[in-house]
Amino acid sequence: MNEHNLLIFCLKDNVSISEYTEMIDWAYKNIQSETVVEITENQIIEYQNRGLWRLVSEITDNWLFGPSEGDWLIDKESILAVKEKLQNSVFSTESLVKNIIHVLEYAVKNEKTVIFHF
């Protein structure tokens, strides 16, 4: 597995794609976008062990325990709840989590879905 091939993202406000695989392709082609957070398998495992994904799972009812767990599409209500939970967590000052919060805020503002592509 490529060390840097896992993503948390939403589409930019001027991008409208309805096919899921095309969304994933867009994210990989726009990896430097402010709405794409690249995350390594090691980071996923580290945050799994520290409990970050449990916080997200509690809100979405989709349990994510680590890499290769599948994909999550998160709706607006869940995005708001996840954002609030992360902002009030012990993880809130960490760079990766700040980037995730930014994507969540962008998604709410622009009515986009957030995708966790693990």
Protein backbone atom coordinates (compact mmCIF):
# COMPACT_ATOMS: atom_id res chain seq x y z
CA MET A 1 0.00 0.00 0.00
CA ASN A 2 1.26 3.44 -0.86
CA GLU A 3 2.23 5.26 2.33
CA HIS A 4 0.26 8.41 1.37
CA ASN A 5 -2.90 7.22 -0.27
CA LEU A 6 -5.67 7.72 2.25
CA LEU A 7 -7.87 10.81 2.25
CA ILE A 8 -10.45 12.83 4.11
CA PHE A 9 -12.03 15.34 1.76
CA CYS A 10 -14.95 17.21 0.31
CA LEU A 11 -15.31 18.57 -3.20
CA LYS A 12 -14.59 22.24 -3.83
CA ASP A 13 -17.64 24.51 -4.02
CA ASN A 14 -17.39 24.83 -7.82
CA VAL A 15 -17.11 21.06 -8.39
CA SER A 16 -20.21 18.97 -8.88
CA ILE A 17 -19.64 15.22 -9.18
CA SER A 18 -22.25 12.65 -8.29
CA GLU A 19 -20.39 9.42 -9.06
CA TYR A 20 -18.53 8.19 -6.00
CA THR A 21 -15.51 6.84 -7.90
CA GLU A 22 -15.20 10.12 -9.77
CA MET A 23 -15.17 11.95 -6.41
CA ILE A 24 -12.28 9.77 -5.26
CA ASP A 25 -10.44 10.39 -8.55
CA TRP A 26 -10.98 14.15 -8.15
CA ALA A 27 -9.50 14.07 -4.64
CA TYR A 28 -6.37 12.24 -5.76
CA LYS A 29 -5.92 14.64 -8.68
CA ASN A 30 -6.38 17.60 -6.31
CA ILE A 31 -4.39 16.30 -3.37
CA GLN A 32 -3.05 19.83 -2.66
CA SER A 33 -6.54 21.34 -2.40
CA GLU A 34 -7.56 22.97 0.87
CA THR A 35 -10.44 20.50 0.97
CA VAL A 36 -8.29 17.37 0.82
CA VAL A 37 -6.43 15.97 3.82
CA GLU A 38 -3.90 13.30 2.99
CA ILE A 39 -3.33 10.82 5.79
CA THR A 40 -0.92 7.91 6.01
CA GLU A 41 -1.77 4.42 7.14
CA ASN A 42 0.54 4.90 10.13
CA GLN A 43 -1.32 8.08 11.12
CA ILE A 44 -4.65 6.27 10.85
CA ILE A 45 -3.38 3.52 13.14
CA GLU A 46 -1.87 6.02 15.58
CA TYR A 47 -5.12 7.97 15.83
CA GLN A 48 -7.06 4.72 16.06
CA ASN A 49 -4.97 3.71 19.06
CA ARG A 50 -5.45 7.14 20.64
CA GLY A 51 -9.24 7.13 20.15
CA LEU A 52 -9.82 9.79 17.48
CA TRP A 53 -11.80 7.55 15.13
CA ARG A 54 -13.93 6.37 18.05
CA LEU A 55 -15.10 9.99 18.51
CA VAL A 56 -16.17 10.14 14.87
CA SER A 57 -17.71 6.67 15.01
CA GLU A 58 -19.87 7.54 18.01
CA ILE A 59 -21.55 10.27 15.98
CA THR A 60 -21.86 8.54 12.62
CA ASP A 61 -22.69 5.02 13.85
CA ASN A 62 -20.16 3.80 11.26
CA TRP A 63 -17.38 2.15 13.20
CA LEU A 64 -13.93 2.81 11.82
CA PHE A 65 -11.05 1.06 13.48
CA GLY A 66 -8.24 1.54 10.99
CA PRO A 67 -7.02 1.39 7.41
CA SER A 68 -8.96 -0.63 4.83
CA GLU A 69 -12.17 -0.24 6.80
CA GLY A 70 -13.97 1.21 3.82
CA ASP A 71 -15.36 4.62 3.02
CA TRP A 72 -17.60 6.96 4.94
CA LEU A 73 -19.83 9.58 3.47
CA ILE A 74 -20.91 12.01 6.14
CA ASP A 75 -24.07 14.14 5.88
CA LYS A 76 -24.49 17.73 7.09
CA GLU A 77 -25.93 16.91 10.53
CA SER A 78 -23.13 14.47 11.21
CA ILE A 79 -20.51 16.89 9.88
CA LEU A 80 -21.63 19.54 12.36
CA ALA A 81 -21.61 17.06 15.24
CA VAL A 82 -18.19 15.63 14.29
CA LYS A 83 -16.74 19.15 13.93
CA GLU A 84 -17.99 20.13 17.37
CA LYS A 85 -16.74 16.90 18.92
CA LEU A 86 -13.27 17.34 17.39
CA GLN A 87 -13.08 21.01 18.38
CA ASN A 88 -13.79 20.05 21.99
CA SER A 89 -11.45 17.06 22.07
CA VAL A 90 -7.88 16.60 23.27
CA PHE A 91 -6.94 16.29 19.60
CA SER A 92 -8.11 19.80 18.63
CA THR A 93 -4.64 21.40 18.66
CA GLU A 94 -3.02 18.80 16.44
CA SER A 95 -2.24 19.83 12.87
CA LEU A 96 -3.98 16.89 11.19
CA VAL A 97 -7.13 17.38 13.25
CA LYS A 98 -7.13 21.12 12.52
CA ASN A 99 -7.02 20.27 8.81
CA ILE A 100 -9.91 17.81 9.22
CA ILE A 101 -11.92 20.47 11.07
CA HIS A 102 -11.22 22.91 8.22
CA VAL A 103 -12.60 20.41 5.67
CA LEU A 104 -15.67 19.86 7.86
CA GLU A 105 -16.28 23.62 8.12
CA TYR A 106 -15.81 24.07 4.38
CA ALA A 107 -18.25 21.25 3.68
CA VAL A 108 -20.94 22.77 5.89
CA LYS A 109 -20.49 26.23 4.40
CA ASN A 110 -20.65 24.90 0.84
CA GLU A 111 -23.18 22.11 1.41
CA LYS A 112 -20.79 19.32 0.47
CA THR A 113 -20.45 15.76 1.70
CA VAL A 114 -17.29 14.76 3.57
CA ILE A 115 -15.69 11.51 2.57
CA PHE A 116 -13.32 9.47 4.71
CA HIS A 117 -11.55 7.30 2.13
CA PHE A 118 -9.59 4.77 4.18
